[in-house]
Amino acid sequence: MTRRRKKRFTELSTRSRALIIGGATAQIALQVAAMRDLWLRPDHLVRGPKGAWVAAGFVNFLGPIAYFMWGRQQATPVPSAPPKLRSEPASGADDGPPADADPASSSPDFAT
């Protein structure tokens, strides 16, 4: 019984080499992105201990994908600041009651 010799990388077809290089590039990109996110994300926004997610990040494609799907919590959005008040009204803005309006009806009634 003869053993089959493994092919060297250079003996593989161009398509096979391209698939291996593409897969390796995707794996490295996912792992780098997951590690960067873990490094920059505060502890309270990570589900579980960061060390466990770092270790899981080294498990082929599954670790980084699992981290991105289940390991991160979304930060609660910070409410935006209220709009700044303008010092001058815009043209056509309401400057008060119309000229023909009864002043007594628009002011509070303080009659005694």
PDB file of N, CA and C in Angstrom:
ATOM      1  N   MET A   1       0.839  -1.166   0.000  1.00  0.00           N
ATOM      2  CA  MET A   1       0.000   0.000   0.000  1.00  0.00           C
ATOM      3  C   MET A   1       0.892   1.241   0.000  1.00  0.00           C
ATOM      4  N   THR A   2       0.734   2.062  -0.995  1.00  0.00           N
ATOM      5  CA  THR A   2       1.546   3.278  -1.085  1.00  0.00           C
ATOM      6  C   THR A   2       0.760   4.470  -0.549  1.00  0.00           C
ATOM      7  N   ARG A   3       1.502   5.328   0.076  1.00  0.00           N
ATOM      8  CA  ARG A   3       0.898   6.529   0.643  1.00  0.00           C
ATOM      9  C   ARG A   3       0.898   7.641  -0.389  1.00  0.00           C
ATOM     10  N   ARG A   4      -0.210   8.392  -0.422  1.00  0.00           N
ATOM     11  CA  ARG A   4      -0.273   9.532  -1.322  1.00  0.00           C
ATOM     12  C   ARG A   4       0.473  10.707  -0.742  1.00  0.00           C
ATOM     13  N   ARG A   5       1.321  11.291  -1.538  1.00  0.00           N
ATOM     14  CA  ARG A   5       2.085  12.436  -1.077  1.00  0.00           C
ATOM     15  C   ARG A   5       1.206  13.689  -1.112  1.00  0.00           C
ATOM     16  N   LYS A   6       1.299  14.520  -0.059  1.00  0.00           N
ATOM     17  CA  LYS A   6       0.556  15.766  -0.027  1.00  0.00           C
ATOM     18  C   LYS A   6       1.109  16.718  -1.060  1.00  0.00           C
ATOM     19  N   LYS A   7       0.229  17.507  -1.651  1.00  0.00           N
ATOM     20  CA  LYS A   7       0.677  18.498  -2.624  1.00  0.00           C
ATOM     21  C   LYS A   7       1.251  19.704  -1.897  1.00  0.00           C
ATOM     22  N   ARG A   8       2.259  20.258  -2.493  1.00  0.00           N
ATOM     23  CA  ARG A   8       2.803  21.508  -1.994  1.00  0.00           C
ATOM     24  C   ARG A   8       1.900  22.647  -2.485  1.00  0.00           C
ATOM     25  N   PHE A   9       1.999  23.792  -1.806  1.00  0.00           N
ATOM     26  CA  PHE A   9       1.174  24.935  -2.174  1.00  0.00           C
ATOM     27  C   PHE A   9       1.396  25.324  -3.629  1.00  0.00           C
ATOM     28  N   THR A  10       2.631  25.277  -4.070  1.00  0.00           N
ATOM     29  CA  THR A  10       2.940  25.660  -5.445  1.00  0.00           C
ATOM     30  C   THR A  10       2.395  24.664  -6.472  1.00  0.00           C
ATOM     31  N   GLU A  11       2.075  23.461  -6.024  1.00  0.00           N
ATOM     32  CA  GLU A  11       1.530  22.451  -6.932  1.00  0.00           C
ATOM     33  C   GLU A  11       0.009  22.528  -7.059  1.00  0.00           C
ATOM     34  N   LEU A  12      -0.612  23.350  -6.231  1.00  0.00           N
ATOM     35  CA  LEU A  12      -2.064  23.490  -6.290  1.00  0.00           C
ATOM     36  C   LEU A  12      -2.464  24.314  -7.503  1.00  0.00           C
ATOM     37  N   SER A  13      -3.720  24.155  -7.925  1.00  0.00           N
ATOM     38  CA  SER A  13      -4.211  24.946  -9.045  1.00  0.00           C
ATOM     39  C   SER A  13      -4.319  26.416  -8.625  1.00  0.00           C
ATOM     40  N   THR A  14      -4.383  27.290  -9.600  1.00  0.00           N
ATOM     41  CA  THR A  14      -4.488  28.725  -9.325  1.00  0.00           C
ATOM     42  C   THR A  14      -5.758  29.021  -8.531  1.00  0.00           C
ATOM     43  N   ARG A  15      -6.847  28.356  -8.877  1.00  0.00           N
ATOM     44  CA  ARG A  15      -8.110  28.556  -8.175  1.00  0.00           C
ATOM     45  C   ARG A  15      -7.984  28.129  -6.707  1.00  0.00           C
ATOM     46  N   SER A  16      -7.378  27.005  -6.444  1.00  0.00           N
ATOM     47  CA  SER A  16      -7.207  26.523  -5.070  1.00  0.00           C
ATOM     48  C   SER A  16      -6.341  27.470  -4.258  1.00  0.00           C
ATOM     49  N   ARG A  17      -5.261  27.953  -4.876  1.00  0.00           N
ATOM     50  CA  ARG A  17      -4.393  28.900  -4.167  1.00  0.00           C
ATOM     51  C   ARG A  17      -5.138  30.200  -3.856  1.00  0.00           C
ATOM     52  N   ALA A  18      -5.944  30.675  -4.814  1.00  0.00           N
ATOM     53  CA  ALA A  18      -6.704  31.911  -4.597  1.00  0.00           C
ATOM     54  C   ALA A  18      -7.718  31.729  -3.469  1.00  0.00           C
ATOM     55  N   LEU A  19      -8.373  30.570  -3.413  1.00  0.00           N
ATOM     56  CA  LEU A  19      -9.339  30.309  -2.345  1.00  0.00           C
ATOM     57  C   LEU A  19      -8.663  30.254  -0.975  1.00  0.00           C
ATOM     58  N   ILE A  20      -7.508  29.641  -0.912  1.00  0.00           N
ATOM     59  CA  ILE A  20      -6.778  29.554   0.361  1.00  0.00           C
ATOM     60  C   ILE A  20      -6.331  30.942   0.811  1.00  0.00           C
ATOM     61  N   ILE A  21      -5.798  31.723  -0.116  1.00  0.00           N
ATOM     62  CA  ILE A  21      -5.335  33.075   0.228  1.00  0.00           C
ATOM     63  C   ILE A  21      -6.519  33.955   0.628  1.00  0.00           C
ATOM     64  N   GLY A  22      -7.635  33.842  -0.093  1.00  0.00           N
ATOM     65  CA  GLY A  22      -8.834  34.626   0.249  1.00  0.00           C
ATOM     66  C   GLY A  22      -9.392  34.245   1.613  1.00  0.00           C
ATOM     67  N   GLY A  23      -9.442  32.952   1.895  1.00  0.00           N
ATOM     68  CA  GLY A  23      -9.921  32.496   3.195  1.00  0.00           C
ATOM     69  C   GLY A  23      -9.024  32.946   4.332  1.00  0.00           C
ATOM     70  N   ALA A  24      -7.724  32.862   4.120  1.00  0.00           N
ATOM     71  CA  ALA A  24      -6.783  33.297   5.152  1.00  0.00           C
ATOM     72  C   ALA A  24      -6.894  34.804   5.391  1.00  0.00           C
ATOM     73  N   THR A  25      -7.070  35.561   4.321  1.00  0.00           N
ATOM     74  CA  THR A  25      -7.217  37.014   4.453  1.00  0.00           C
ATOM     75  C   THR A  25      -8.490  37.353   5.221  1.00  0.00           C
ATOM     76  N   ALA A  26      -9.592  36.673   4.896  1.00  0.00           N
ATOM     77  CA  ALA A  26     -10.853  36.910   5.603  1.00  0.00           C
ATOM     78  C   ALA A  26     -10.720  36.545   7.078  1.00  0.00           C
ATOM     79  N   GLN A  27     -10.067  35.441   7.372  1.00  0.00           N
ATOM     80  CA  GLN A  27      -9.872  35.000   8.756  1.00  0.00           C
ATOM     81  C   GLN A  27      -9.066  36.032   9.540  1.00  0.00           C
ATOM     82  N   ILE A  28      -7.995  36.503   8.966  1.00  0.00           N
ATOM     83  CA  ILE A  28      -7.141  37.484   9.654  1.00  0.00           C
ATOM     84  C   ILE A  28      -7.884  38.797   9.843  1.00  0.00           C
ATOM     85  N   ALA A  29      -8.632  39.236   8.820  1.00  0.00           N
ATOM     86  CA  ALA A  29      -9.382  40.486   8.928  1.00  0.00           C
ATOM     87  C   ALA A  29     -10.453  40.394  10.022  1.00  0.00           C
ATOM     88  N   LEU A  30     -11.170  39.284  10.082  1.00  0.00           N
ATOM     89  CA  LEU A  30     -12.181  39.100  11.125  1.00  0.00           C
ATOM     90  C   LEU A  30     -11.542  39.094  12.513  1.00  0.00           C
ATOM     91  N   GLN A  31     -10.430  38.402  12.636  1.00  0.00           N
ATOM     92  CA  GLN A  31      -9.775  38.305  13.937  1.00  0.00           C
ATOM     93  C   GLN A  31      -9.238  39.666  14.378  1.00  0.00           C
ATOM     94  N   VAL A  32      -8.619  40.401  13.470  1.00  0.00           N
ATOM     95  CA  VAL A  32      -8.093  41.727  13.818  1.00  0.00           C
ATOM     96  C   VAL A  32      -9.238  42.661  14.206  1.00  0.00           C
ATOM     97  N   ALA A  33     -10.344  42.616  13.449  1.00  0.00           N
ATOM     98  CA  ALA A  33     -11.486  43.481  13.765  1.00  0.00           C
ATOM     99  C   ALA A  33     -12.079  43.137  15.125  1.00  0.00           C
ATOM    100  N   ALA A  34     -12.200  41.840  15.436  1.00  0.00           N
ATOM    101  CA  ALA A  34     -12.754  41.423  16.727  1.00  0.00           C
ATOM    102  C   ALA A  34     -11.824  41.836  17.865  1.00  0.00           C
ATOM    103  N   MET A  35     -10.522  41.652  17.701  1.00  0.00           N
ATOM    104  CA  MET A  35      -9.573  42.011  18.757  1.00  0.00           C
ATOM    105  C   MET A  35      -9.557  43.532  18.973  1.00  0.00           C
ATOM    106  N   ARG A  36      -9.633  44.285  17.896  1.00  0.00           N
ATOM    107  CA  ARG A  36      -9.652  45.754  18.003  1.00  0.00           C
ATOM    108  C   ARG A  36     -10.908  46.209  18.730  1.00  0.00           C
ATOM    109  N   ASP A  37     -12.045  45.622  18.363  1.00  0.00           N
ATOM    110  CA  ASP A  37     -13.298  45.987  19.007  1.00  0.00           C
ATOM    111  C   ASP A  37     -13.261  45.635  20.498  1.00  0.00           C
ATOM    112  N   LEU A  38     -12.729  44.467  20.822  1.00  0.00           N
ATOM    113  CA  LEU A  38     -12.614  44.072  22.229  1.00  0.00           C
ATOM    114  C   LEU A  38     -11.698  45.022  23.000  1.00  0.00           C
ATOM    115  N   TRP A  39     -10.628  45.445  22.380  1.00  0.00           N
ATOM    116  CA  TRP A  39      -9.674  46.339  23.030  1.00  0.00           C
ATOM    117  C   TRP A  39     -10.312  47.695  23.324  1.00  0.00           C
ATOM    118  N   LEU A  40     -11.108  48.205  22.385  1.00  0.00           N
ATOM    119  CA  LEU A  40     -11.669  49.547  22.523  1.00  0.00           C
ATOM    120  C   LEU A  40     -13.012  49.588  23.259  1.00  0.00           C
ATOM    121  N   ARG A  41     -13.743  48.498  23.307  1.00  0.00           N
ATOM    122  CA  ARG A  41     -15.073  48.467  23.917  1.00  0.00           C
ATOM    123  C   ARG A  41     -14.960  48.351  25.431  1.00  0.00           C
ATOM    124  N   PRO A  42     -15.704  49.184  26.173  1.00  0.00           N
ATOM    125  CA  PRO A  42     -15.688  49.081  27.642  1.00  0.00           C
ATOM    126  C   PRO A  42     -16.234  47.724  28.105  1.00  0.00           C
ATOM    127  N   ASP A  43     -15.781  47.292  29.279  1.00  0.00           N
ATOM    128  CA  ASP A  43     -16.176  45.988  29.815  1.00  0.00           C
ATOM    129  C   ASP A  43     -17.683  45.815  29.932  1.00  0.00           C
ATOM    130  N   HIS A  44     -18.382  46.880  30.320  1.00  0.00           N
ATOM    131  CA  HIS A  44     -19.822  46.745  30.537  1.00  0.00           C
ATOM    132  C   HIS A  44     -20.607  46.587  29.237  1.00  0.00           C
ATOM    133  N   LEU A  45     -19.955  46.761  28.105  1.00  0.00           N
ATOM    134  CA  LEU A  45     -20.625  46.581  26.815  1.00  0.00           C
ATOM    135  C   LEU A  45     -20.239  45.266  26.144  1.00  0.00           C
ATOM    136  N   VAL A  46     -19.586  44.364  26.891  1.00  0.00           N
ATOM    137  CA  VAL A  46     -19.220  43.043  26.379  1.00  0.00           C
ATOM    138  C   VAL A  46     -19.962  42.008  27.201  1.00  0.00           C
ATOM    139  N   ARG A  47     -20.636  41.092  26.527  1.00  0.00           N
ATOM    140  CA  ARG A  47     -21.345  40.011  27.229  1.00  0.00           C
ATOM    141  C   ARG A  47     -20.331  38.935  27.608  1.00  0.00           C
ATOM    142  N   GLY A  48     -20.090  38.769  28.890  1.00  0.00           N
ATOM    143  CA  GLY A  48     -19.121  37.785  29.352  1.00  0.00           C
ATOM    144  C   GLY A  48     -17.747  38.410  29.514  1.00  0.00           C
ATOM    145  N   PRO A  49     -16.800  37.617  30.012  1.00  0.00           N
ATOM    146  CA  PRO A  49     -15.446  38.153  30.219  1.00  0.00           C
ATOM    147  C   PRO A  49     -14.719  38.363  28.892  1.00  0.00           C
ATOM    148  N   LYS A  50     -13.987  39.459  28.819  1.00  0.00           N
ATOM    149  CA  LYS A  50     -13.246  39.768  27.591  1.00  0.00           C
ATOM    150  C   LYS A  50     -12.222  38.688  27.271  1.00  0.00           C
ATOM    151  N   GLY A  51     -11.587  38.136  28.293  1.00  0.00           N
ATOM    152  CA  GLY A  51     -10.579  37.097  28.071  1.00  0.00           C
ATOM    153  C   GLY A  51     -11.134  35.893  27.341  1.00  0.00           C
ATOM    154  N   ALA A  52     -12.366  35.530  27.664  1.00  0.00           N
ATOM    155  CA  ALA A  52     -12.999  34.397  26.979  1.00  0.00           C
ATOM    156  C   ALA A  52     -13.249  34.725  25.513  1.00  0.00           C
ATOM    157  N   TRP A  53     -13.641  35.961  25.222  1.00  0.00           N
ATOM    158  CA  TRP A  53     -13.872  36.349  23.824  1.00  0.00           C
ATOM    159  C   TRP A  53     -12.561  36.456  23.051  1.00  0.00           C
ATOM    160  N   VAL A  54     -11.492  36.873  23.732  1.00  0.00           N
ATOM    161  CA  VAL A  54     -10.185  36.899  23.062  1.00  0.00           C
ATOM    162  C   VAL A  54      -9.777  35.485  22.681  1.00  0.00           C
ATOM    163  N   ALA A  55      -9.944  34.542  23.606  1.00  0.00           N
ATOM    164  CA  ALA A  55      -9.608  33.147  23.315  1.00  0.00           C
ATOM    165  C   ALA A  55     -10.488  32.609  22.187  1.00  0.00           C
ATOM    166  N   ALA A  56     -11.777  32.936  22.222  1.00  0.00           N
ATOM    167  CA  ALA A  56     -12.686  32.463  21.177  1.00  0.00           C
ATOM    168  C   ALA A  56     -12.343  33.076  19.828  1.00  0.00           C
ATOM    169  N   GLY A  57     -11.740  34.247  19.846  1.00  0.00           N
ATOM    170  CA  GLY A  57     -11.365  34.913  18.598  1.00  0.00           C
ATOM    171  C   GLY A  57     -10.320  34.151  17.802  1.00  0.00           C
ATOM    172  N   PHE A  58      -9.626  33.217  18.436  1.00  0.00           N
ATOM    173  CA  PHE A  58      -8.605  32.437  17.743  1.00  0.00           C
ATOM    174  C   PHE A  58      -9.148  31.124  17.194  1.00  0.00           C
ATOM    175  N   VAL A  59     -10.462  30.924  17.265  1.00  0.00           N
ATOM    176  CA  VAL A  59     -11.088  29.701  16.748  1.00  0.00           C
ATOM    177  C   VAL A  59     -11.606  29.987  15.349  1.00  0.00           C
ATOM    178  N   ASN A  60     -10.761  29.758  14.367  1.00  0.00           N
ATOM    179  CA  ASN A  60     -11.113  29.954  12.952  1.00  0.00           C
ATOM    180  C   ASN A  60     -12.080  31.107  12.734  1.00  0.00           C
ATOM    181  N   PHE A  61     -13.035  30.931  11.852  1.00  0.00           N
ATOM    182  CA  PHE A  61     -14.007  31.975  11.575  1.00  0.00           C
ATOM    183  C   PHE A  61     -15.058  32.074  12.670  1.00  0.00           C
ATOM    184  N   LEU A  62     -15.302  30.987  13.355  1.00  0.00           N
ATOM    185  CA  LEU A  62     -16.411  30.926  14.304  1.00  0.00           C
ATOM    186  C   LEU A  62     -16.258  31.883  15.480  1.00  0.00           C
ATOM    187  N   GLY A  63     -15.072  32.012  16.025  1.00  0.00           N
ATOM    188  CA  GLY A  63     -14.867  32.870  17.195  1.00  0.00           C
ATOM    189  C   GLY A  63     -15.185  34.329  16.928  1.00  0.00           C
ATOM    190  N   PRO A  64     -14.553  34.956  15.927  1.00  0.00           N
ATOM    191  CA  PRO A  64     -14.866  36.361  15.659  1.00  0.00           C
ATOM    192  C   PRO A  64     -16.324  36.581  15.251  1.00  0.00           C
ATOM    193  N   ILE A  65     -16.883  35.674  14.469  1.00  0.00           N
ATOM    194  CA  ILE A  65     -18.283  35.829  14.061  1.00  0.00           C
ATOM    195  C   ILE A  65     -19.197  35.716  15.274  1.00  0.00           C
ATOM    196  N   ALA A  66     -18.917  34.764  16.167  1.00  0.00           N
ATOM    197  CA  ALA A  66     -19.719  34.626  17.387  1.00  0.00           C
ATOM    198  C   ALA A  66     -19.620  35.881  18.247  1.00  0.00           C
ATOM    199  N   TYR A  67     -18.421  36.463  18.340  1.00  0.00           N
ATOM    200  CA  TYR A  67     -18.270  37.680  19.131  1.00  0.00           C
ATOM    201  C   TYR A  67     -19.110  38.811  18.540  1.00  0.00           C
ATOM    202  N   PHE A  68     -19.041  38.994  17.221  1.00  0.00           N
ATOM    203  CA  PHE A  68     -19.803  40.078  16.607  1.00  0.00           C
ATOM    204  C   PHE A  68     -21.309  39.838  16.699  1.00  0.00           C
ATOM    205  N   MET A  69     -21.742  38.579  16.713  1.00  0.00           N
ATOM    206  CA  MET A  69     -23.173  38.301  16.788  1.00  0.00           C
ATOM    207  C   MET A  69     -23.706  38.337  18.220  1.00  0.00           C
ATOM    208  N   TRP A  70     -22.974  37.778  19.178  1.00  0.00           N
ATOM    209  CA  TRP A  70     -23.507  37.613  20.523  1.00  0.00           C
ATOM    210  C   TRP A  70     -22.681  38.261  21.628  1.00  0.00           C
ATOM    211  N   GLY A  71     -21.459  38.639  21.376  1.00  0.00           N
ATOM    212  CA  GLY A  71     -20.599  39.117  22.444  1.00  0.00           C
ATOM    213  C   GLY A  71     -20.688  40.595  22.742  1.00  0.00           C
ATOM    214  N   ARG A  72     -21.263  41.359  21.828  1.00  0.00           N
ATOM    215  CA  ARG A  72     -21.295  42.805  22.031  1.00  0.00           C
ATOM    216  C   ARG A  72     -22.685  43.255  22.451  1.00  0.00           C
ATOM    217  N   GLN A  73     -22.710  44.241  23.325  1.00  0.00           N
ATOM    218  CA  GLN A  73     -23.964  44.904  23.683  1.00  0.00           C
ATOM    219  C   GLN A  73     -23.925  46.284  23.051  1.00  0.00           C
ATOM    220  N   GLN A  74     -25.070  46.743  22.625  1.00  0.00           N
ATOM    221  CA  GLN A  74     -25.139  48.071  22.035  1.00  0.00           C
ATOM    222  C   GLN A  74     -25.142  49.123  23.140  1.00  0.00           C
ATOM    223  N   ALA A  75     -24.409  50.178  22.929  1.00  0.00           N
ATOM    224  CA  ALA A  75     -24.397  51.281  23.878  1.00  0.00           C
ATOM    225  C   ALA A  75     -25.720  52.023  23.771  1.00  0.00           C
ATOM    226  N   THR A  76     -26.225  52.498  24.902  1.00  0.00           N
ATOM    227  CA  THR A  76     -27.449  53.280  24.848  1.00  0.00           C
ATOM    228  C   THR A  76     -27.121  54.623  24.223  1.00  0.00           C
ATOM    229  N   PRO A  77     -27.927  55.061  23.285  1.00  0.00           N
ATOM    230  CA  PRO A  77     -27.601  56.314  22.598  1.00  0.00           C
ATOM    231  C   PRO A  77     -27.693  57.500  23.553  1.00  0.00           C
ATOM    232  N   VAL A  78     -26.773  58.409  23.410  1.00  0.00           N
ATOM    233  CA  VAL A  78     -26.753  59.618  24.220  1.00  0.00           C
ATOM    234  C   VAL A  78     -27.724  60.601  23.583  1.00  0.00           C
ATOM    235  N   PRO A  79     -28.648  61.162  24.361  1.00  0.00           N
ATOM    236  CA  PRO A  79     -29.578  62.105  23.750  1.00  0.00           C
ATOM    237  C   PRO A  79     -28.836  63.312  23.214  1.00  0.00           C
ATOM    238  N   SER A  80     -29.291  63.785  22.088  1.00  0.00           N
ATOM    239  CA  SER A  80     -28.617  64.931  21.478  1.00  0.00           C
ATOM    240  C   SER A  80     -28.968  66.198  22.239  1.00  0.00           C
ATOM    241  N   ALA A  81     -28.122  67.181  22.124  1.00  0.00           N
ATOM    242  CA  ALA A  81     -28.347  68.454  22.798  1.00  0.00           C
ATOM    243  C   ALA A  81     -29.537  69.153  22.167  1.00  0.00           C
ATOM    244  N   PRO A  82     -30.282  69.929  22.969  1.00  0.00           N
ATOM    245  CA  PRO A  82     -31.422  70.639  22.387  1.00  0.00           C
ATOM    246  C   PRO A  82     -30.925  71.654  21.361  1.00  0.00           C
ATOM    247  N   PRO A  83     -31.744  71.968  20.387  1.00  0.00           N
ATOM    248  CA  PRO A  83     -31.300  72.925  19.370  1.00  0.00           C
ATOM    249  C   PRO A  83     -31.047  74.291  19.987  1.00  0.00           C
ATOM    250  N   LYS A  84     -30.089  74.995  19.440  1.00  0.00           N
ATOM    251  CA  LYS A  84     -29.751  76.323  19.941  1.00  0.00           C
ATOM    252  C   LYS A  84     -30.864  77.294  19.570  1.00  0.00           C
ATOM    253  N   LEU A  85     -31.131  78.215  20.489  1.00  0.00           N
ATOM    254  CA  LEU A  85     -32.133  79.234  20.220  1.00  0.00           C
ATOM    255  C   LEU A  85     -31.513  80.331  19.376  1.00  0.00           C
ATOM    256  N   ARG A  86     -32.289  80.806  18.439  1.00  0.00           N
ATOM    257  CA  ARG A  86     -31.799  81.890  17.587  1.00  0.00           C
ATOM    258  C   ARG A  86     -32.009  83.214  18.294  1.00  0.00           C
ATOM    259  N   SER A  87     -31.093  84.139  18.100  1.00  0.00           N
ATOM    260  CA  SER A  87     -31.241  85.452  18.726  1.00  0.00           C
ATOM    261  C   SER A  87     -32.206  86.325  17.930  1.00  0.00           C
ATOM    262  N   GLU A  88     -32.307  86.122  16.616  1.00  0.00           N
ATOM    263  CA  GLU A  88     -33.226  86.888  15.790  1.00  0.00           C
ATOM    264  C   GLU A  88     -34.240  85.939  15.183  1.00  0.00           C
ATOM    265  N   PRO A  89     -35.514  86.346  15.158  1.00  0.00           N
ATOM    266  CA  PRO A  89     -36.500  85.471  14.525  1.00  0.00           C
ATOM    267  C   PRO A  89     -36.273  85.417  13.021  1.00  0.00           C
ATOM    268  N   ALA A  90     -36.607  84.296  12.445  1.00  0.00           N
ATOM    269  CA  ALA A  90     -36.480  84.145  11.000  1.00  0.00           C
ATOM    270  C   ALA A  90     -37.514  85.012  10.319  1.00  0.00           C
ATOM    271  N   SER A  91     -37.267  85.360   9.078  1.00  0.00           N
ATOM    272  CA  SER A  91     -38.208  86.203   8.354  1.00  0.00           C
ATOM    273  C   SER A  91     -39.544  85.485   8.247  1.00  0.00           C
ATOM    274  N   GLY A  92     -40.610  86.238   8.474  1.00  0.00           N
ATOM    275  CA  GLY A  92     -41.936  85.660   8.421  1.00  0.00           C
ATOM    276  C   GLY A  92     -42.319  84.937   9.693  1.00  0.00           C
ATOM    277  N   ALA A  93     -41.475  85.013  10.703  1.00  0.00           N
ATOM    278  CA  ALA A  93     -41.777  84.342  11.961  1.00  0.00           C
ATOM    279  C   ALA A  93     -42.879  85.089  12.693  1.00  0.00           C
ATOM    280  N   ASP A  94     -43.564  84.435  13.556  1.00  0.00           N
ATOM    281  CA  ASP A  94     -44.645  85.027  14.320  1.00  0.00           C
ATOM    282  C   ASP A  94     -44.050  85.917  15.398  1.00  0.00           C
ATOM    283  N   ASP A  95     -44.235  87.236  15.278  1.00  0.00           N
ATOM    284  CA  ASP A  95     -43.692  88.185  16.244  1.00  0.00           C
ATOM    285  C   ASP A  95     -44.685  88.498  17.350  1.00  0.00           C
ATOM    286  N   GLY A  96     -45.802  87.875  17.381  1.00  0.00           N
ATOM    287  CA  GLY A  96     -46.803  88.159  18.398  1.00  0.00           C
ATOM    288  C   GLY A  96     -48.186  88.057  17.793  1.00  0.00           C
ATOM    289  N   PRO A  97     -49.177  88.570  18.510  1.00  0.00           N
ATOM    290  CA  PRO A  97     -50.545  88.482  18.004  1.00  0.00           C
ATOM    291  C   PRO A  97     -50.728  89.398  16.793  1.00  0.00           C
ATOM    292  N   PRO A  98     -51.665  89.077  15.934  1.00  0.00           N
ATOM    293  CA  PRO A  98     -51.919  89.937  14.776  1.00  0.00           C
ATOM    294  C   PRO A  98     -52.350  91.327  15.233  1.00  0.00           C
ATOM    295  N   ALA A  99     -52.132  92.295  14.345  1.00  0.00           N
ATOM    296  CA  ALA A  99     -52.424  93.689  14.688  1.00  0.00           C
ATOM    297  C   ALA A  99     -53.897  93.910  14.970  1.00  0.00           C
ATOM    298  N   ASP A 100     -54.781  93.155  14.335  1.00  0.00           N
ATOM    299  CA  ASP A 100     -56.215  93.375  14.527  1.00  0.00           C
ATOM    300  C   ASP A 100     -56.775  92.562  15.696  1.00  0.00           C
ATOM    301  N   ALA A 101     -55.940  91.851  16.436  1.00  0.00           N
ATOM    302  CA  ALA A 101     -56.417  91.040  17.552  1.00  0.00           C
ATOM    303  C   ALA A 101     -56.713  91.918  18.752  1.00  0.00           C
ATOM    304  N   ASP A 102     -57.664  91.512  19.556  1.00  0.00           N
ATOM    305  CA  ASP A 102     -58.050  92.248  20.752  1.00  0.00           C
ATOM    306  C   ASP A 102     -57.007  91.989  21.840  1.00  0.00           C
ATOM    307  N   PRO A 103     -56.277  93.006  22.330  1.00  0.00           N
ATOM    308  CA  PRO A 103     -55.246  92.786  23.334  1.00  0.00           C
ATOM    309  C   PRO A 103     -55.795  92.198  24.631  1.00  0.00           C
ATOM    310  N   ALA A 104     -57.025  92.445  24.946  1.00  0.00           N
ATOM    311  CA  ALA A 104     -57.592  91.931  26.194  1.00  0.00           C
ATOM    312  C   ALA A 104     -57.783  90.421  26.131  1.00  0.00           C
ATOM    313  N   SER A 105     -58.038  89.884  24.938  1.00  0.00           N
ATOM    314  CA  SER A 105     -58.272  88.456  24.829  1.00  0.00           C
ATOM    315  C   SER A 105     -56.981  87.649  24.845  1.00  0.00           C
ATOM    316  N   SER A 106     -55.841  88.268  24.478  1.00  0.00           N
ATOM    317  CA  SER A 106     -54.597  87.529  24.438  1.00  0.00           C
ATOM    318  C   SER A 106     -53.808  87.603  25.731  1.00  0.00           C
ATOM    319  N   SER A 107     -54.141  88.550  26.613  1.00  0.00           N
ATOM    320  CA  SER A 107     -53.420  88.656  27.883  1.00  0.00           C
ATOM    321  C   SER A 107     -54.217  87.947  28.973  1.00  0.00           C
ATOM    322  N   PRO A 108     -53.545  87.522  30.026  1.00  0.00           N
ATOM    323  CA  PRO A 108     -54.277  86.866  31.112  1.00  0.00           C
ATOM    324  C   PRO A 108     -55.257  87.817  31.794  1.00  0.00           C
ATOM    325  N   ASP A 109     -56.312  87.289  32.301  1.00  0.00           N
ATOM    326  CA  ASP A 109     -57.328  88.092  32.961  1.00  0.00           C
ATOM    327  C   ASP A 109     -56.984  88.250  34.434  1.00  0.00           C
ATOM    328  N   PHE A 110     -56.615  89.466  34.824  1.00  0.00           N
ATOM    329  CA  PHE A 110     -56.262  89.733  36.206  1.00  0.00           C
ATOM    330  C   PHE A 110     -57.314  90.646  36.854  1.00  0.00           C
ATOM    331  N   ALA A 111     -58.496  90.620  36.345  1.00  0.00           N
ATOM    332  CA  ALA A 111     -59.552  91.498  36.882  1.00  0.00           C
ATOM    333  C   ALA A 111     -59.879  91.088  38.301  1.00  0.00           C
ATOM    334  N   THR A 112     -60.113  92.108  39.119  1.00  0.00           N
ATOM    335  CA  THR A 112     -60.466  91.847  40.506  1.00  0.00           C
ATOM    336  C   THR A 112     -61.875  92.267  40.808  1.00  0.00           C
TER     337      THR A 112
END
